Amino acid sequence: FPRGYSGGRTYDALAKFATDNLGKAICSPSNIDICDDDMKAKIGELMGKSDDELSASIAEEEKKMEEAEENFTQEVEKLQATYQKLMDDKDAAQAAVKASGLGLMKAVKAAKAKAGSDEL
């Protein structure tokens, strides 16, 4: 989906978005005449930088993007490890309950109930 799109995911919603937003000229250095004053100022500031300064700024911002992705990946791995430990702990606890005789207790209760109903 287009960056910044927060509308619906139905065909009608997407078609309306496309009709309203796509195919139109957007603010850019090559279409500066359609930009608002703030964007014109930002573009002007960037146009005043040398290619080396722009390359350094781009590299710096791309590094931030990579760091954000790396942090996200590391945190997801931690969540997955926590989830796996919780699942293992739950499975072990349930196995211990079953091993302690839960099944046998249920079988005895059912047998007693059946024996009680047979007496009637």
C-alpha atoms as a PDB file:
ATOM      1  CA  PHE A   1       0.000   0.000   0.000  1.00  0.00           C
ATOM      2  CA  PRO A   2       1.187   3.531  -0.607  1.00  0.00           C
ATOM      3  CA  ARG A   3       3.184   5.019   2.240  1.00  0.00           C
ATOM      4  CA  GLY A   4       0.904   6.926   4.553  1.00  0.00           C
ATOM      5  CA  TYR A   5      -2.256   5.220   3.278  1.00  0.00           C
ATOM      6  CA  SER A   6      -4.593   4.507   6.155  1.00  0.00           C
ATOM      7  CA  GLY A   7      -7.879   3.979   4.348  1.00  0.00           C
ATOM      8  CA  GLY A   8      -9.945   0.871   3.879  1.00  0.00           C
ATOM      9  CA  ARG A   9      -8.791  -2.272   2.114  1.00  0.00           C
ATOM     10  CA  THR A  10     -11.898  -2.814   0.007  1.00  0.00           C
ATOM     11  CA  TYR A  11     -11.903  -2.348  -3.749  1.00  0.00           C
ATOM     12  CA  ASP A  12     -14.127   0.737  -3.474  1.00  0.00           C
ATOM     13  CA  ALA A  13     -11.884   2.387  -0.870  1.00  0.00           C
ATOM     14  CA  LEU A  14      -8.738   1.676  -2.875  1.00  0.00           C
ATOM     15  CA  ALA A  15     -10.339   2.838  -6.116  1.00  0.00           C
ATOM     16  CA  LYS A  16     -11.407   6.099  -4.481  1.00  0.00           C
ATOM     17  CA  PHE A  17      -7.892   6.625  -3.108  1.00  0.00           C
ATOM     18  CA  ALA A  18      -6.376   5.939  -6.535  1.00  0.00           C
ATOM     19  CA  THR A  19      -8.775   8.323  -8.253  1.00  0.00           C
ATOM     20  CA  ASP A  20      -8.219  11.055  -5.675  1.00  0.00           C
ATOM     21  CA  ASN A  21      -4.464  10.737  -5.220  1.00  0.00           C
ATOM     22  CA  LEU A  22      -2.647   8.796  -7.907  1.00  0.00           C
ATOM     23  CA  GLY A  23      -1.736  10.210 -11.261  1.00  0.00           C
ATOM     24  CA  LYS A  24      -1.560  13.714  -9.859  1.00  0.00           C
ATOM     25  CA  ALA A  25       1.689  15.611  -9.726  1.00  0.00           C
ATOM     26  CA  ILE A  26       3.246  15.631  -6.288  1.00  0.00           C
ATOM     27  CA  CYS A  27       5.519  18.109  -4.604  1.00  0.00           C
ATOM     28  CA  SER A  28       9.138  17.428  -5.564  1.00  0.00           C
ATOM     29  CA  PRO A  29      12.227  19.313  -6.715  1.00  0.00           C
ATOM     30  CA  SER A  30      11.012  18.949 -10.305  1.00  0.00           C
ATOM     31  CA  ASN A  31       7.476  20.157  -9.396  1.00  0.00           C
ATOM     32  CA  ILE A  32       8.361  22.810  -6.820  1.00  0.00           C
ATOM     33  CA  ASP A  33       5.620  25.141  -8.072  1.00  0.00           C
ATOM     34  CA  ILE A  34       2.940  22.893  -6.507  1.00  0.00           C
ATOM     35  CA  CYS A  35       4.692  22.700  -3.125  1.00  0.00           C
ATOM     36  CA  ASP A  36       3.600  24.642  -0.071  1.00  0.00           C
ATOM     37  CA  ASP A  37       5.978  27.184   1.461  1.00  0.00           C
ATOM     38  CA  ASP A  38       7.367  24.761   4.064  1.00  0.00           C
ATOM     39  CA  MET A  39       8.259  22.151   1.451  1.00  0.00           C
ATOM     40  CA  LYS A  40       9.710  24.805  -0.848  1.00  0.00           C
ATOM     41  CA  ALA A  41      11.962  25.917   2.018  1.00  0.00           C
ATOM     42  CA  LYS A  42      13.038  22.317   2.771  1.00  0.00           C
ATOM     43  CA  ILE A  43      13.755  21.644  -0.897  1.00  0.00           C
ATOM     44  CA  GLY A  44      15.680  24.911  -1.160  1.00  0.00           C
ATOM     45  CA  GLU A  45      17.762  24.008   1.878  1.00  0.00           C
ATOM     46  CA  LEU A  46      18.578  20.583   0.451  1.00  0.00           C
ATOM     47  CA  MET A  47      19.311  22.014  -3.001  1.00  0.00           C
ATOM     48  CA  GLY A  48      21.895  24.272  -1.329  1.00  0.00           C
ATOM     49  CA  LYS A  49      23.878  21.288  -0.058  1.00  0.00           C
ATOM     50  CA  SER A  50      26.725  19.747  -1.993  1.00  0.00           C
ATOM     51  CA  ASP A  51      26.436  16.236  -3.404  1.00  0.00           C
ATOM     52  CA  ASP A  52      28.826  15.028  -0.688  1.00  0.00           C
ATOM     53  CA  GLU A  53      26.704  16.625   2.043  1.00  0.00           C
ATOM     54  CA  LEU A  54      23.551  15.078   0.580  1.00  0.00           C
ATOM     55  CA  SER A  55      25.231  11.676   0.315  1.00  0.00           C
ATOM     56  CA  ALA A  56      26.359  11.905   3.952  1.00  0.00           C
ATOM     57  CA  SER A  57      22.873  12.925   5.101  1.00  0.00           C
ATOM     58  CA  ILE A  58      21.268  10.120   3.092  1.00  0.00           C
ATOM     59  CA  ALA A  59      23.728   7.577   4.514  1.00  0.00           C
ATOM     60  CA  GLU A  60      23.018   8.809   8.043  1.00  0.00           C
ATOM     61  CA  GLU A  61      19.253   8.490   7.625  1.00  0.00           C
ATOM     62  CA  GLU A  62      19.548   5.078   5.940  1.00  0.00           C
ATOM     63  CA  LYS A  63      21.687   3.935   8.883  1.00  0.00           C
ATOM     64  CA  LYS A  64      18.876   4.993  11.241  1.00  0.00           C
ATOM     65  CA  MET A  65      16.443   2.931   9.164  1.00  0.00           C
ATOM     66  CA  GLU A  66      18.735  -0.102   9.324  1.00  0.00           C
ATOM     67  CA  GLU A  67      19.188   0.315  13.085  1.00  0.00           C
ATOM     68  CA  ALA A  68      15.417   0.499  13.572  1.00  0.00           C
ATOM     69  CA  GLU A  69      14.966  -2.697  11.536  1.00  0.00           C
ATOM     70  CA  GLU A  70      17.768  -4.444  13.432  1.00  0.00           C
ATOM     71  CA  ASN A  71      16.289  -3.408  16.789  1.00  0.00           C
ATOM     72  CA  PHE A  72      12.871  -4.647  15.696  1.00  0.00           C
ATOM     73  CA  THR A  73      14.298  -7.994  14.587  1.00  0.00           C
ATOM     74  CA  GLN A  74      16.191  -8.449  17.864  1.00  0.00           C
ATOM     75  CA  GLU A  75      13.142  -7.612  19.961  1.00  0.00           C
ATOM     76  CA  VAL A  76      10.943  -9.994  17.959  1.00  0.00           C
ATOM     77  CA  GLU A  77      13.510 -12.751  18.549  1.00  0.00           C
ATOM     78  CA  LYS A  78      13.328 -12.030  22.297  1.00  0.00           C
ATOM     79  CA  LEU A  79       9.531 -12.223  22.164  1.00  0.00           C
ATOM     80  CA  GLN A  80       9.708 -15.518  20.296  1.00  0.00           C
ATOM     81  CA  ALA A  81      12.126 -16.921  22.884  1.00  0.00           C
ATOM     82  CA  THR A  82       9.828 -15.780  25.712  1.00  0.00           C
ATOM     83  CA  TYR A  83       6.825 -17.323  23.960  1.00  0.00           C
ATOM     84  CA  GLN A  84       8.668 -20.621  23.483  1.00  0.00           C
ATOM     85  CA  LYS A  85       9.701 -20.719  27.162  1.00  0.00           C
ATOM     86  CA  LEU A  86       6.120 -20.018  28.255  1.00  0.00           C
ATOM     87  CA  MET A  87       4.836 -22.802  26.002  1.00  0.00           C
ATOM     88  CA  ASP A  88       7.449 -25.225  27.345  1.00  0.00           C
ATOM     89  CA  ASP A  89       6.605 -24.269  30.954  1.00  0.00           C
ATOM     90  CA  LYS A  90       2.874 -24.731  30.296  1.00  0.00           C
ATOM     91  CA  ASP A  91       3.441 -28.106  28.651  1.00  0.00           C
ATOM     92  CA  ALA A  92       5.623 -29.256  31.553  1.00  0.00           C
ATOM     93  CA  ALA A  93       3.059 -28.098  34.125  1.00  0.00           C
ATOM     94  CA  GLN A  94       0.244 -29.871  32.307  1.00  0.00           C
ATOM     95  CA  ALA A  95       2.315 -33.040  31.978  1.00  0.00           C
ATOM     96  CA  ALA A  96       3.051 -32.933  35.718  1.00  0.00           C
ATOM     97  CA  VAL A  97      -0.661 -32.580  36.537  1.00  0.00           C
ATOM     98  CA  LYS A  98      -1.501 -35.520  34.287  1.00  0.00           C
ATOM     99  CA  ALA A  99       1.307 -37.589  35.783  1.00  0.00           C
ATOM    100  CA  SER A 100       0.056 -36.858  39.307  1.00  0.00           C
ATOM    101  CA  GLY A 101      -3.036 -38.957  38.631  1.00  0.00           C
ATOM    102  CA  LEU A 102      -5.588 -36.545  37.180  1.00  0.00           C
ATOM    103  CA  GLY A 103      -6.691 -39.066  34.584  1.00  0.00           C
ATOM    104  CA  LEU A 104      -7.063 -41.798  37.186  1.00  0.00           C
ATOM    105  CA  MET A 105      -9.054 -39.468  39.465  1.00  0.00           C
ATOM    106  CA  LYS A 106     -11.439 -38.671  36.604  1.00  0.00           C
ATOM    107  CA  ALA A 107     -11.792 -42.359  35.755  1.00  0.00           C
ATOM    108  CA  VAL A 108     -12.585 -43.246  39.389  1.00  0.00           C
ATOM    109  CA  LYS A 109     -15.143 -40.424  39.652  1.00  0.00           C
ATOM    110  CA  ALA A 110     -16.811 -41.564  36.423  1.00  0.00           C
ATOM    111  CA  ALA A 111     -16.842 -45.181  37.628  1.00  0.00           C
ATOM    112  CA  LYS A 112     -18.397 -44.138  40.957  1.00  0.00           C
ATOM    113  CA  ALA A 113     -21.032 -42.090  39.142  1.00  0.00           C
ATOM    114  CA  LYS A 114     -21.836 -45.011  36.869  1.00  0.00           C
ATOM    115  CA  ALA A 115     -21.987 -47.411  39.809  1.00  0.00           C
ATOM    116  CA  GLY A 116     -24.317 -44.990  41.620  1.00  0.00           C
ATOM    117  CA  SER A 117     -26.640 -44.773  38.634  1.00  0.00           C
ATOM    118  CA  ASP A 118     -26.646 -48.566  38.225  1.00  0.00           C
ATOM    119  CA  GLU A 119     -27.964 -48.917  41.764  1.00  0.00           C
ATOM    120  CA  LEU A 120     -31.080 -46.882  40.930  1.00  0.00           C
END
